[in-house]
Structure formats: structure tokens, C-alpha cells
Amino acid sequence: MKKQGIEIIEASYHRNGICGAGFTAILFKDHEEKKTMIASLFEEPGYCAVYAVDELTAGNITFAHGNSWRGDRYETLLRQLLETYQREKGTGQMGPFSFVPPDTVEAIITKNGAGK
């Protein structure tokens, strides 16, 4: 069963070193569970880890003891929401290959007078 009723608060892409598997860290609200969660959503489908923020701040990283969340229940909806989030707010990627939303690019061009 897939999750519903989640809302992305913030998302940021992490390169994971020079040769690691990149992933997006997603801070989100799960309205059904009434919890703020964080997910590591890797580029390859089938790889999504989810943790409850309140349990992490309490030091609980233990499987099956209050901080076990099925990434497969969140993954599909998170990928859909992330696509929308990135179109509206950007990818959070840094460096020469960063994505900048079209309206931001237009604003930079206008501000610098390059569009004249």
C-alpha cells in the first residue's frame, strides 16, 4: 500500500563523494503518521530509506524499535512530489551541473542586463 498525505518541506541533492551513488535528502511531513520524516531517495528506483526525525534526535536508529519505516511505501509518491518540487524550487544541486529553474535563469539574465 502506497503512502498518501505527504508534503515536502525541503529537498537537496547529495553527490555522495566523487564516485558514490547520488541521492536526494528529502525532509517531509507525513500527515497520516503526524511525523516529520527524512528520506534518502537514491537515483536508482527501489532505493529509498526513511526515518522519523523525532526518533533520530532522540538517538533512535534501531530497526523495529520505533524508527522503522518502509521506504517502498514512500518511494513512488516521493519521486512524484520531488519532480514537482524541483520544477518549482530547483534541485538543490551545487556545482557546474546544477539545475536552475527557468524563471530564475530569466531573472538573472534580466538583472545582469544580458537580455537587452
PDB file of N, CA and C in Angstrom:
ATOM      1  N   MET A   1       0.835  -1.189   0.000  1.00  0.00           N
ATOM      2  CA  MET A   1       0.000   0.000   0.000  1.00  0.00           C
ATOM      3  C   MET A   1       0.876   1.247   0.000  1.00  0.00           C
ATOM      4  N   LYS A   2       0.628   2.132  -0.931  1.00  0.00           N
ATOM      5  CA  LYS A   2       1.405   3.365  -1.042  1.00  0.00           C
ATOM      6  C   LYS A   2       0.930   4.387  -0.019  1.00  0.00           C
ATOM      7  N   LYS A   3       1.842   5.281   0.342  1.00  0.00           N
ATOM      8  CA  LYS A   3       1.518   6.363   1.259  1.00  0.00           C
ATOM      9  C   LYS A   3       0.833   7.494   0.512  1.00  0.00           C
ATOM     10  N   GLN A   4       0.016   8.226   1.241  1.00  0.00           N
ATOM     11  CA  GLN A   4      -0.596   9.445   0.733  1.00  0.00           C
ATOM     12  C   GLN A   4      -0.477  10.487   1.824  1.00  0.00           C
ATOM     13  N   GLY A   5      -0.774  11.735   1.490  1.00  0.00           N
ATOM     14  CA  GLY A   5      -0.780  12.785   2.505  1.00  0.00           C
ATOM     15  C   GLY A   5       0.596  13.171   2.999  1.00  0.00           C
ATOM     16  N   ILE A   6       1.557  13.257   2.075  1.00  0.00           N
ATOM     17  CA  ILE A   6       2.869  13.747   2.474  1.00  0.00           C
ATOM     18  C   ILE A   6       3.181  15.032   1.713  1.00  0.00           C
ATOM     19  N   GLU A   7       4.031  15.843   2.336  1.00  0.00           N
ATOM     20  CA  GLU A   7       4.352  17.166   1.786  1.00  0.00           C
ATOM     21  C   GLU A   7       5.842  17.425   1.984  1.00  0.00           C
ATOM     22  N   ILE A   8       6.544  17.745   0.914  1.00  0.00           N
ATOM     23  CA  ILE A   8       7.972  18.027   1.006  1.00  0.00           C
ATOM     24  C   ILE A   8       8.184  19.399   1.639  1.00  0.00           C
ATOM     25  N   ILE A   9       9.052  19.430   2.636  1.00  0.00           N
ATOM     26  CA  ILE A   9       9.440  20.670   3.298  1.00  0.00           C
ATOM     27  C   ILE A   9      10.691  21.229   2.621  1.00  0.00           C
ATOM     28  N   GLU A  10      11.663  20.363   2.377  1.00  0.00           N
ATOM     29  CA  GLU A  10      12.932  20.752   1.762  1.00  0.00           C
ATOM     30  C   GLU A  10      13.537  19.531   1.105  1.00  0.00           C
ATOM     31  N   ALA A  11      14.259  19.749   0.018  1.00  0.00           N
ATOM     32  CA  ALA A  11      14.946  18.658  -0.668  1.00  0.00           C
ATOM     33  C   ALA A  11      16.283  19.160  -1.178  1.00  0.00           C
ATOM     34  N   SER A  12      17.299  18.314  -1.067  1.00  0.00           N
ATOM     35  CA  SER A  12      18.635  18.698  -1.510  1.00  0.00           C
ATOM     36  C   SER A  12      19.371  17.477  -2.029  1.00  0.00           C
ATOM     37  N   TYR A  13      19.954  17.624  -3.206  1.00  0.00           N
ATOM     38  CA  TYR A  13      20.710  16.533  -3.815  1.00  0.00           C
ATOM     39  C   TYR A  13      22.102  16.438  -3.191  1.00  0.00           C
ATOM     40  N   HIS A  14      22.541  15.212  -2.929  1.00  0.00           N
ATOM     41  CA  HIS A  14      23.876  14.958  -2.376  1.00  0.00           C
ATOM     42  C   HIS A  14      24.634  14.058  -3.336  1.00  0.00           C
ATOM     43  N   ARG A  15      25.818  14.479  -3.674  1.00  0.00           N
ATOM     44  CA  ARG A  15      26.629  13.744  -4.641  1.00  0.00           C
ATOM     45  C   ARG A  15      27.221  12.477  -4.041  1.00  0.00           C
ATOM     46  N   ASN A  16      27.390  12.420  -2.727  1.00  0.00           N
ATOM     47  CA  ASN A  16      27.905  11.247  -2.026  1.00  0.00           C
ATOM     48  C   ASN A  16      29.345  10.942  -2.429  1.00  0.00           C
ATOM     49  N   GLY A  17      30.203  11.940  -2.354  1.00  0.00           N
ATOM     50  CA  GLY A  17      31.602  11.745  -2.710  1.00  0.00           C
ATOM     51  C   GLY A  17      31.820  11.869  -4.204  1.00  0.00           C
ATOM     52  N   ILE A  18      32.990  11.467  -4.666  1.00  0.00           N
ATOM     53  CA  ILE A  18      33.288  11.601  -6.088  1.00  0.00           C
ATOM     54  C   ILE A  18      32.831  10.399  -6.905  1.00  0.00           C
ATOM     55  N   CYS A  19      32.546   9.289  -6.244  1.00  0.00           N
ATOM     56  CA  CYS A  19      32.138   8.114  -7.016  1.00  0.00           C
ATOM     57  C   CYS A  19      30.982   7.359  -6.366  1.00  0.00           C
ATOM     58  N   GLY A  20      30.397   7.902  -5.319  1.00  0.00           N
ATOM     59  CA  GLY A  20      29.290   7.226  -4.656  1.00  0.00           C
ATOM     60  C   GLY A  20      27.984   7.415  -5.394  1.00  0.00           C
ATOM     61  N   ALA A  21      26.986   6.702  -4.959  1.00  0.00           N
ATOM     62  CA  ALA A  21      25.647   6.808  -5.552  1.00  0.00           C
ATOM     63  C   ALA A  21      24.979   8.073  -5.029  1.00  0.00           C
ATOM     64  N   GLY A  22      24.653   8.992  -5.938  1.00  0.00           N
ATOM     65  CA  GLY A  22      23.991  10.232  -5.542  1.00  0.00           C
ATOM     66  C   GLY A  22      22.581   9.965  -5.032  1.00  0.00           C
ATOM     67  N   PHE A  23      22.121  10.843  -4.153  1.00  0.00           N
ATOM     68  CA  PHE A  23      20.770  10.711  -3.605  1.00  0.00           C
ATOM     69  C   PHE A  23      20.227  12.083  -3.257  1.00  0.00           C
ATOM     70  N   THR A  24      18.933  12.163  -3.102  1.00  0.00           N
ATOM     71  CA  THR A  24      18.290  13.388  -2.649  1.00  0.00           C
ATOM     72  C   THR A  24      17.825  13.188  -1.211  1.00  0.00           C
ATOM     73  N   ALA A  25      18.252  14.090  -0.337  1.00  0.00           N
ATOM     74  CA  ALA A  25      17.748  14.101   1.036  1.00  0.00           C
ATOM     75  C   ALA A  25      16.449  14.900   1.008  1.00  0.00           C
ATOM     76  N   ILE A  26      15.383  14.300   1.505  1.00  0.00           N
ATOM     77  CA  ILE A  26      14.073  14.941   1.472  1.00  0.00           C
ATOM     78  C   ILE A  26      13.518  15.015   2.891  1.00  0.00           C
ATOM     79  N   LEU A  27      13.321  16.222   3.363  1.00  0.00           N
ATOM     80  CA  LEU A  27      12.647  16.447   4.639  1.00  0.00           C
ATOM     81  C   LEU A  27      11.170  16.625   4.307  1.00  0.00           C
ATOM     82  N   PHE A  28      10.306  15.821   4.932  1.00  0.00           N
ATOM     83  CA  PHE A  28       8.894  15.903   4.580  1.00  0.00           C
ATOM     84  C   PHE A  28       7.999  15.633   5.782  1.00  0.00           C
ATOM     85  N   LYS A  29       6.780  16.090   5.650  1.00  0.00           N
ATOM     86  CA  LYS A  29       5.755  15.875   6.670  1.00  0.00           C
ATOM     87  C   LYS A  29       4.852  14.743   6.205  1.00  0.00           C
ATOM     88  N   ASP A  30       4.688  13.742   7.065  1.00  0.00           N
ATOM     89  CA  ASP A  30       3.742  12.662   6.808  1.00  0.00           C
ATOM     90  C   ASP A  30       2.512  12.974   7.659  1.00  0.00           C
ATOM     91  N   HIS A  31       1.485  13.496   7.012  1.00  0.00           N
ATOM     92  CA  HIS A  31       0.294  13.921   7.744  1.00  0.00           C
ATOM     93  C   HIS A  31      -0.469  12.734   8.329  1.00  0.00           C
ATOM     94  N   GLU A  32      -0.380  11.593   7.693  1.00  0.00           N
ATOM     95  CA  GLU A  32      -1.050  10.388   8.189  1.00  0.00           C
ATOM     96  C   GLU A  32      -0.416   9.904   9.500  1.00  0.00           C
ATOM     97  N   GLU A  33       0.919   9.897   9.541  1.00  0.00           N
ATOM     98  CA  GLU A  33       1.641   9.456  10.737  1.00  0.00           C
ATOM     99  C   GLU A  33       1.824  10.587  11.747  1.00  0.00           C
ATOM    100  N   LYS A  34       1.540  11.823  11.301  1.00  0.00           N
ATOM    101  CA  LYS A  34       1.734  13.023  12.127  1.00  0.00           C
ATOM    102  C   LYS A  34       3.197  13.138  12.578  1.00  0.00           C
ATOM    103  N   LYS A  35       4.102  12.930  11.595  1.00  0.00           N
ATOM    104  CA  LYS A  35       5.532  12.983  11.879  1.00  0.00           C
ATOM    105  C   LYS A  35       6.266  13.718  10.776  1.00  0.00           C
ATOM    106  N   THR A  36       7.368  14.355  11.171  1.00  0.00           N
ATOM    107  CA  THR A  36       8.305  14.895  10.209  1.00  0.00           C
ATOM    108  C   THR A  36       9.320  13.796   9.948  1.00  0.00           C
ATOM    109  N   MET A  37       9.570  13.534   8.673  1.00  0.00           N
ATOM    110  CA  MET A  37      10.426  12.422   8.274  1.00  0.00           C
ATOM    111  C   MET A  37      11.553  12.943   7.383  1.00  0.00           C
ATOM    112  N   ILE A  38      12.579  12.118   7.254  1.00  0.00           N
ATOM    113  CA  ILE A  38      13.636  12.397   6.286  1.00  0.00           C
ATOM    114  C   ILE A  38      13.865  11.133   5.472  1.00  0.00           C
ATOM    115  N   ALA A  39      14.023  11.334   4.173  1.00  0.00           N
ATOM    116  CA  ALA A  39      14.263  10.203   3.277  1.00  0.00           C
ATOM    117  C   ALA A  39      15.561  10.424   2.521  1.00  0.00           C
ATOM    118  N   SER A  40      16.265   9.337   2.281  1.00  0.00           N
ATOM    119  CA  SER A  40      17.375   9.314   1.328  1.00  0.00           C
ATOM    120  C   SER A  40      16.826   8.592   0.110  1.00  0.00           C
ATOM    121  N   LEU A  41      16.584   9.351  -0.947  1.00  0.00           N
ATOM    122  CA  LEU A  41      15.990   8.806  -2.162  1.00  0.00           C
ATOM    123  C   LEU A  41      17.086   8.753  -3.232  1.00  0.00           C
ATOM    124  N   PHE A  42      17.538   7.539  -3.520  1.00  0.00           N
ATOM    125  CA  PHE A  42      18.618   7.355  -4.480  1.00  0.00           C
ATOM    126  C   PHE A  42      18.077   7.426  -5.899  1.00  0.00           C
ATOM    127  N   GLU A  43      18.969   7.716  -6.835  1.00  0.00           N
ATOM    128  CA  GLU A  43      18.564   7.886  -8.225  1.00  0.00           C
ATOM    129  C   GLU A  43      17.961   6.612  -8.798  1.00  0.00           C
ATOM    130  N   GLU A  44      18.513   5.476  -8.447  1.00  0.00           N
ATOM    131  CA  GLU A  44      18.019   4.200  -8.965  1.00  0.00           C
ATOM    132  C   GLU A  44      16.739   3.799  -8.237  1.00  0.00           C
ATOM    133  N   PRO A  45      15.691   3.506  -8.989  1.00  0.00           N
ATOM    134  CA  PRO A  45      14.430   3.075  -8.358  1.00  0.00           C
ATOM    135  C   PRO A  45      14.643   1.860  -7.447  1.00  0.00           C
ATOM    136  N   GLY A  46      13.893   1.837  -6.363  1.00  0.00           N
ATOM    137  CA  GLY A  46      13.977   0.735  -5.416  1.00  0.00           C
ATOM    138  C   GLY A  46      14.873   1.016  -4.228  1.00  0.00           C
ATOM    139  N   TYR A  47      15.463   2.220  -4.196  1.00  0.00           N
ATOM    140  CA  TYR A  47      16.370   2.570  -3.112  1.00  0.00           C
ATOM    141  C   TYR A  47      15.883   3.837  -2.423  1.00  0.00           C
ATOM    142  N   CYS A  48      15.218   3.645  -1.293  1.00  0.00           N
ATOM    143  CA  CYS A  48      14.658   4.749  -0.521  1.00  0.00           C
ATOM    144  C   CYS A  48      14.686   4.366   0.954  1.00  0.00           C
ATOM    145  N   ALA A  49      15.372   5.158   1.762  1.00  0.00           N
ATOM    146  CA  ALA A  49      15.417   4.937   3.205  1.00  0.00           C
ATOM    147  C   ALA A  49      14.687   6.082   3.887  1.00  0.00           C
ATOM    148  N   VAL A  50      13.866   5.764   4.886  1.00  0.00           N
ATOM    149  CA  VAL A  50      13.042   6.767   5.563  1.00  0.00           C
ATOM    150  C   VAL A  50      13.227   6.642   7.076  1.00  0.00           C
ATOM    151  N   TYR A  51      13.360   7.800   7.735  1.00  0.00           N
ATOM    152  CA  TYR A  51      13.499   7.852   9.188  1.00  0.00           C
ATOM    153  C   TYR A  51      12.610   8.957   9.741  1.00  0.00           C
ATOM    154  N   ALA A  52      12.119   8.767  10.966  1.00  0.00           N
ATOM    155  CA  ALA A  52      11.363   9.802  11.665  1.00  0.00           C
ATOM    156  C   ALA A  52      12.365  10.723  12.360  1.00  0.00           C
ATOM    157  N   VAL A  53      12.245  12.019  12.117  1.00  0.00           N
ATOM    158  CA  VAL A  53      13.193  12.994  12.662  1.00  0.00           C
ATOM    159  C   VAL A  53      13.182  12.981  14.188  1.00  0.00           C
ATOM    160  N   ASP A  54      12.008  12.903  14.815  1.00  0.00           N
ATOM    161  CA  ASP A  54      11.964  12.921  16.287  1.00  0.00           C
ATOM    162  C   ASP A  54      12.699  11.726  16.886  1.00  0.00           C
ATOM    163  N   GLU A  55      12.639  10.581  16.216  1.00  0.00           N
ATOM    164  CA  GLU A  55      13.353   9.396  16.700  1.00  0.00           C
ATOM    165  C   GLU A  55      14.863   9.564  16.511  1.00  0.00           C
ATOM    166  N   LEU A  56      15.267  10.181  15.408  1.00  0.00           N
ATOM    167  CA  LEU A  56      16.693  10.423  15.186  1.00  0.00           C
ATOM    168  C   LEU A  56      17.254  11.371  16.237  1.00  0.00           C
ATOM    169  N   THR A  57      16.515  12.440  16.534  1.00  0.00           N
ATOM    170  CA  THR A  57      17.008  13.406  17.526  1.00  0.00           C
ATOM    171  C   THR A  57      17.045  12.795  18.923  1.00  0.00           C
ATOM    172  N   ALA A  58      16.245  11.755  19.151  1.00  0.00           N
ATOM    173  CA  ALA A  58      16.274  11.043  20.428  1.00  0.00           C
ATOM    174  C   ALA A  58      17.372   9.974  20.440  1.00  0.00           C
ATOM    175  N   GLY A  59      18.078   9.843  19.324  1.00  0.00           N
ATOM    176  CA  GLY A  59      19.159   8.868  19.243  1.00  0.00           C
ATOM    177  C   GLY A  59      18.720   7.487  18.806  1.00  0.00           C
ATOM    178  N   ASN A  60      17.474   7.344  18.375  1.00  0.00           N
ATOM    179  CA  ASN A  60      16.956   6.036  17.978  1.00  0.00           C
ATOM    180  C   ASN A  60      17.168   5.800  16.490  1.00  0.00           C
ATOM    181  N   ILE A  61      18.099   4.912  16.178  1.00  0.00           N
ATOM    182  CA  ILE A  61      18.313   4.484  14.798  1.00  0.00           C
ATOM    183  C   ILE A  61      18.059   2.987  14.657  1.00  0.00           C
ATOM    184  N   THR A  62      17.449   2.409  15.668  1.00  0.00           N
ATOM    185  CA  THR A  62      17.277   0.961  15.750  1.00  0.00           C
ATOM    186  C   THR A  62      16.122   0.463  14.904  1.00  0.00           C
ATOM    187  N   PHE A  63      16.400  -0.555  14.122  1.00  0.00           N
ATOM    188  CA  PHE A  63      15.375  -1.217  13.326  1.00  0.00           C
ATOM    189  C   PHE A  63      14.373  -1.891  14.257  1.00  0.00           C
ATOM    190  N   ALA A  64      13.099  -1.772  13.928  1.00  0.00           N
ATOM    191  CA  ALA A  64      11.991  -2.426  14.645  1.00  0.00           C
ATOM    192  C   ALA A  64      11.757  -1.897  16.056  1.00  0.00           C
ATOM    193  N   HIS A  65      12.342  -0.775  16.390  1.00  0.00           N
ATOM    194  CA  HIS A  65      12.116  -0.177  17.715  1.00  0.00           C
ATOM    195  C   HIS A  65      11.730   1.289  17.588  1.00  0.00           C
ATOM    196  N   GLY A  66      10.711   1.559  16.785  1.00  0.00           N
ATOM    197  CA  GLY A  66      10.168   2.912  16.692  1.00  0.00           C
ATOM    198  C   GLY A  66      10.672   3.755  15.542  1.00  0.00           C
ATOM    199  N   ASN A  67      11.715   3.314  14.847  1.00  0.00           N
ATOM    200  CA  ASN A  67      12.189   4.113  13.721  1.00  0.00           C
ATOM    201  C   ASN A  67      12.418   3.225  12.502  1.00  0.00           C
ATOM    202  N   SER A  68      11.446   2.385  12.230  1.00  0.00           N
ATOM    203  CA  SER A  68      11.469   1.521  11.049  1.00  0.00           C
ATOM    204  C   SER A  68      10.331   1.936  10.134  1.00  0.00           C
ATOM    205  N   TRP A  69      10.683   2.399   8.959  1.00  0.00           N
ATOM    206  CA  TRP A  69       9.684   2.879   8.009  1.00  0.00           C
ATOM    207  C   TRP A  69       9.978   2.249   6.655  1.00  0.00           C
ATOM    208  N   ARG A  70       8.965   1.778   6.015  1.00  0.00           N
ATOM    209  CA  ARG A  70       9.123   1.094   4.736  1.00  0.00           C
ATOM    210  C   ARG A  70       9.290   2.103   3.606  1.00  0.00           C
ATOM    211  N   GLY A  71      10.509   2.195   3.110  1.00  0.00           N
ATOM    212  CA  GLY A  71      10.805   3.103   2.013  1.00  0.00           C
ATOM    213  C   GLY A  71       9.977   2.824   0.780  1.00  0.00           C
ATOM    214  N   ASP A  72       9.651   1.562   0.554  1.00  0.00           N
ATOM    215  CA  ASP A  72       8.856   1.215  -0.631  1.00  0.00           C
ATOM    216  C   ASP A  72       7.447   1.793  -0.568  1.00  0.00           C
ATOM    217  N   ARG A  73       6.960   2.076   0.618  1.00  0.00           N
ATOM    218  CA  ARG A  73       5.638   2.700   0.746  1.00  0.00           C
ATOM    219  C   ARG A  73       5.687   4.194   0.447  1.00  0.00           C
ATOM    220  N   TYR A  74       6.849   4.789   0.577  1.00  0.00           N
ATOM    221  CA  TYR A  74       7.007   6.224   0.353  1.00  0.00           C
ATOM    222  C   TYR A  74       7.578   6.559  -1.023  1.00  0.00           C
ATOM    223  N   GLU A  75       8.346   5.658  -1.589  1.00  0.00           N
ATOM    224  CA  GLU A  75       9.165   5.977  -2.761  1.00  0.00           C
ATOM    225  C   GLU A  75       8.396   6.556  -3.944  1.00  0.00           C
ATOM    226  N   THR A  76       7.345   5.912  -4.379  1.00  0.00           N
ATOM    227  CA  THR A  76       6.626   6.362  -5.571  1.00  0.00           C
ATOM    228  C   THR A  76       6.102   7.787  -5.396  1.00  0.00           C
ATOM    229  N   LEU A  77       5.444   8.049  -4.284  1.00  0.00           N
ATOM    230  CA  LEU A  77       4.894   9.381  -4.050  1.00  0.00           C
ATOM    231  C   LEU A  77       6.005  10.412  -3.870  1.00  0.00           C
ATOM    232  N   LEU A  78       7.087  10.046  -3.171  1.00  0.00           N
ATOM    233  CA  LEU A  78       8.199  10.982  -3.009  1.00  0.00           C
ATOM    234  C   LEU A  78       8.812  11.345  -4.354  1.00  0.00           C
ATOM    235  N   ARG A  79       8.964  10.376  -5.243  1.00  0.00           N
ATOM    236  CA  ARG A  79       9.535  10.673  -6.567  1.00  0.00           C
ATOM    237  C   ARG A  79       8.623  11.625  -7.340  1.00  0.00           C
ATOM    238  N   GLN A  80       7.315  11.419  -7.252  1.00  0.00           N
ATOM    239  CA  GLN A  80       6.368  12.304  -7.935  1.00  0.00           C
ATOM    240  C   GLN A  80       6.421  13.713  -7.343  1.00  0.00           C
ATOM    241  N   LEU A  81       6.386  13.799  -6.016  1.00  0.00           N
ATOM    242  CA  LEU A  81       6.423  15.100  -5.353  1.00  0.00           C
ATOM    243  C   LEU A  81       7.755  15.805  -5.584  1.00  0.00           C
ATOM    244  N   LEU A  82       8.844  15.035  -5.627  1.00  0.00           N
ATOM    245  CA  LEU A  82      10.162  15.620  -5.853  1.00  0.00           C
ATOM    246  C   LEU A  82      10.244  16.250  -7.238  1.00  0.00           C
ATOM    247  N   GLU A  83       9.676  15.600  -8.220  1.00  0.00           N
ATOM    248  CA  GLU A  83       9.687  16.155  -9.577  1.00  0.00           C
ATOM    249  C   GLU A  83       8.999  17.522  -9.602  1.00  0.00           C
ATOM    250  N   THR A  84       7.854  17.626  -8.955  1.00  0.00           N
ATOM    251  CA  THR A  84       7.135  18.903  -8.869  1.00  0.00           C
ATOM    252  C   THR A  84       7.947  19.917  -8.071  1.00  0.00           C
ATOM    253  N   TYR A  85       8.490  19.484  -6.949  1.00  0.00           N
ATOM    254  CA  TYR A  85       9.295  20.363  -6.084  1.00  0.00           C
ATOM    255  C   TYR A  85      10.470  20.941  -6.861  1.00  0.00           C
ATOM    256  N   GLN A  86      11.159  20.091  -7.617  1.00  0.00           N
ATOM    257  CA  GLN A  86      12.327  20.548  -8.364  1.00  0.00           C
ATOM    258  C   GLN A  86      11.951  21.522  -9.472  1.00  0.00           C
ATOM    259  N   ARG A  87      10.800  21.308 -10.096  1.00  0.00           N
ATOM    260  CA  ARG A  87      10.345  22.254 -11.122  1.00  0.00           C
ATOM    261  C   ARG A  87      10.052  23.616 -10.509  1.00  0.00           C
ATOM    262  N   GLU A  88       9.518  23.617  -9.292  1.00  0.00           N
ATOM    263  CA  GLU A  88       9.128  24.871  -8.653  1.00  0.00           C
ATOM    264  C   GLU A  88      10.258  25.534  -7.879  1.00  0.00           C
ATOM    265  N   LYS A  89      11.126  24.741  -7.242  1.00  0.00           N
ATOM    266  CA  LYS A  89      12.124  25.307  -6.332  1.00  0.00           C
ATOM    267  C   LYS A  89      13.558  24.976  -6.693  1.00  0.00           C
ATOM    268  N   GLY A  90      13.774  24.172  -7.718  1.00  0.00           N
ATOM    269  CA  GLY A  90      15.132  23.785  -8.096  1.00  0.00           C
ATOM    270  C   GLY A  90      15.516  22.466  -7.465  1.00  0.00           C
ATOM    271  N   THR A  91      16.707  21.997  -7.801  1.00  0.00           N
ATOM    272  CA  THR A  91      17.122  20.666  -7.371  1.00  0.00           C
ATOM    273  C   THR A  91      17.927  20.668  -6.092  1.00  0.00           C
ATOM    274  N   GLY A  92      18.468  21.797  -5.722  1.00  0.00           N
ATOM    275  CA  GLY A  92      19.357  21.818  -4.569  1.00  0.00           C
ATOM    276  C   GLY A  92      20.752  21.343  -4.922  1.00  0.00           C
ATOM    277  N   GLN A  93      21.001  21.038  -6.199  1.00  0.00           N
ATOM    278  CA  GLN A  93      22.327  20.598  -6.612  1.00  0.00           C
ATOM    279  C   GLN A  93      23.265  21.796  -6.691  1.00  0.00           C
ATOM    280  N   MET A  94      24.500  21.556  -6.364  1.00  0.00           N
ATOM    281  CA  MET A  94      25.513  22.605  -6.406  1.00  0.00           C
ATOM    282  C   MET A  94      26.550  22.244  -7.449  1.00  0.00           C
ATOM    283  N   GLY A  95      27.229  23.221  -7.957  1.00  0.00           N
ATOM    284  CA  GLY A  95      28.320  22.963  -8.877  1.00  0.00           C
ATOM    285  C   GLY A  95      27.958  23.274 -10.314  1.00  0.00           C
ATOM    286  N   PRO A  96      28.872  22.953 -11.237  1.00  0.00           N
ATOM    287  CA  PRO A  96      28.705  23.355 -12.633  1.00  0.00           C
ATOM    288  C   PRO A  96      27.528  22.693 -13.345  1.00  0.00           C
ATOM    289  N   PHE A  97      27.033  21.604 -12.823  1.00  0.00           N
ATOM    290  CA  PHE A  97      25.931  20.914 -13.485  1.00  0.00           C
ATOM    291  C   PHE A  97      24.608  21.111 -12.747  1.00  0.00           C
ATOM    292  N   SER A  98      24.545  22.152 -11.942  1.00  0.00           N
ATOM    293  CA  SER A  98      23.337  22.429 -11.168  1.00  0.00           C
ATOM    294  C   SER A  98      22.170  22.788 -12.076  1.00  0.00           C
ATOM    295  N   PHE A  99      20.997  22.493 -11.592  1.00  0.00           N
ATOM    296  CA  PHE A  99      19.776  22.876 -12.277  1.00  0.00           C
ATOM    297  C   PHE A  99      19.268  24.163 -11.657  1.00  0.00           C
ATOM    298  N   VAL A 100      18.951  25.093 -12.478  1.00  0.00           N
ATOM    299  CA  VAL A 100      18.341  26.337 -12.024  1.00  0.00           C
ATOM    300  C   VAL A 100      17.019  26.462 -12.771  1.00  0.00           C
ATOM    301  N   PRO A 101      15.908  26.685 -12.045  1.00  0.00           N
ATOM    302  CA  PRO A 101      14.609  26.787 -12.723  1.00  0.00           C
ATOM    303  C   PRO A 101      14.600  27.887 -13.777  1.00  0.00           C
ATOM    304  N   PRO A 102      13.824  27.709 -14.836  1.00  0.00           N
ATOM    305  CA  PRO A 102      13.785  28.685 -15.935  1.00  0.00           C
ATOM    306  C   PRO A 102      13.474  30.108 -15.491  1.00  0.00           C
ATOM    307  N   ASP A 103      12.556  30.284 -14.546  1.00  0.00           N
ATOM    308  CA  ASP A 103      12.224  31.649 -14.119  1.00  0.00           C
ATOM    309  C   ASP A 103      13.395  32.303 -13.392  1.00  0.00           C
ATOM    310  N   THR A 104      14.201  31.510 -12.697  1.00  0.00           N
ATOM    311  CA  THR A 104      15.378  32.043 -12.020  1.00  0.00           C
ATOM    312  C   THR A 104      16.424  32.465 -13.049  1.00  0.00           C
ATOM    313  N   VAL A 105      16.601  31.641 -14.048  1.00  0.00           N
ATOM    314  CA  VAL A 105      17.543  31.976 -15.122  1.00  0.00           C
ATOM    315  C   VAL A 105      17.132  33.294 -15.770  1.00  0.00           C
ATOM    316  N   GLU A 106      15.852  33.431 -16.070  1.00  0.00           N
ATOM    317  CA  GLU A 106      15.335  34.662 -16.678  1.00  0.00           C
ATOM    318  C   GLU A 106      15.584  35.862 -15.769  1.00  0.00           C
ATOM    319  N   ALA A 107      15.392  35.688 -14.456  1.00  0.00           N
ATOM    320  CA  ALA A 107      15.622  36.784 -13.514  1.00  0.00           C
ATOM    321  C   ALA A 107      17.093  37.186 -13.478  1.00  0.00           C
ATOM    322  N   ILE A 108      17.986  36.222 -13.542  1.00  0.00           N
ATOM    323  CA  ILE A 108      19.430  36.518 -13.540  1.00  0.00           C
ATOM    324  C   ILE A 108      19.802  37.271 -14.813  1.00  0.00           C
ATOM    325  N   ILE A 109      19.286  36.818 -15.938  1.00  0.00           N
ATOM    326  CA  ILE A 109      19.571  37.478 -17.213  1.00  0.00           C
ATOM    327  C   ILE A 109      19.090  38.915 -17.183  1.00  0.00           C
ATOM    328  N   THR A 110      17.865  39.131 -16.700  1.00  0.00           N
ATOM    329  CA  THR A 110      17.291  40.477 -16.632  1.00  0.00           C
ATOM    330  C   THR A 110      18.090  41.367 -15.682  1.00  0.00           C
ATOM    331  N   LYS A 111      18.434  40.834 -14.519  1.00  0.00           N
ATOM    332  CA  LYS A 111      19.188  41.598 -13.508  1.00  0.00           C
ATOM    333  C   LYS A 111      20.552  42.032 -14.045  1.00  0.00           C
ATOM    334  N   ASN A 112      21.205  41.172 -14.786  1.00  0.00           N
ATOM    335  CA  ASN A 112      22.541  41.473 -15.315  1.00  0.00           C
ATOM    336  C   ASN A 112      22.511  42.242 -16.626  1.00  0.00           C
ATOM    337  N   GLY A 113      21.307  42.505 -17.126  1.00  0.00           N
ATOM    338  CA  GLY A 113      21.173  43.266 -18.362  1.00  0.00           C
ATOM    339  C   GLY A 113      21.593  42.498 -19.604  1.00  0.00           C
ATOM    340  N   ALA A 114      21.767  41.197 -19.475  1.00  0.00           N
ATOM    341  CA  ALA A 114      22.214  40.399 -20.613  1.00  0.00           C
ATOM    342  C   ALA A 114      21.102  40.158 -21.613  1.00  0.00           C
ATOM    343  N   GLY A 115      19.863  40.388 -21.203  1.00  0.00           N
ATOM    344  CA  GLY A 115      18.739  40.107 -22.095  1.00  0.00           C
ATOM    345  C   GLY A 115      18.420  41.263 -23.011  1.00  0.00           C
ATOM    346  N   LYS A 116      19.175  42.347 -22.944  1.00  0.00           N
ATOM    347  CA  LYS A 116      18.890  43.538 -23.762  1.00  0.00           C
ATOM    348  C   LYS A 116      19.546  43.459 -25.105  1.00  0.00           C
TER     349      LYS A 116
END
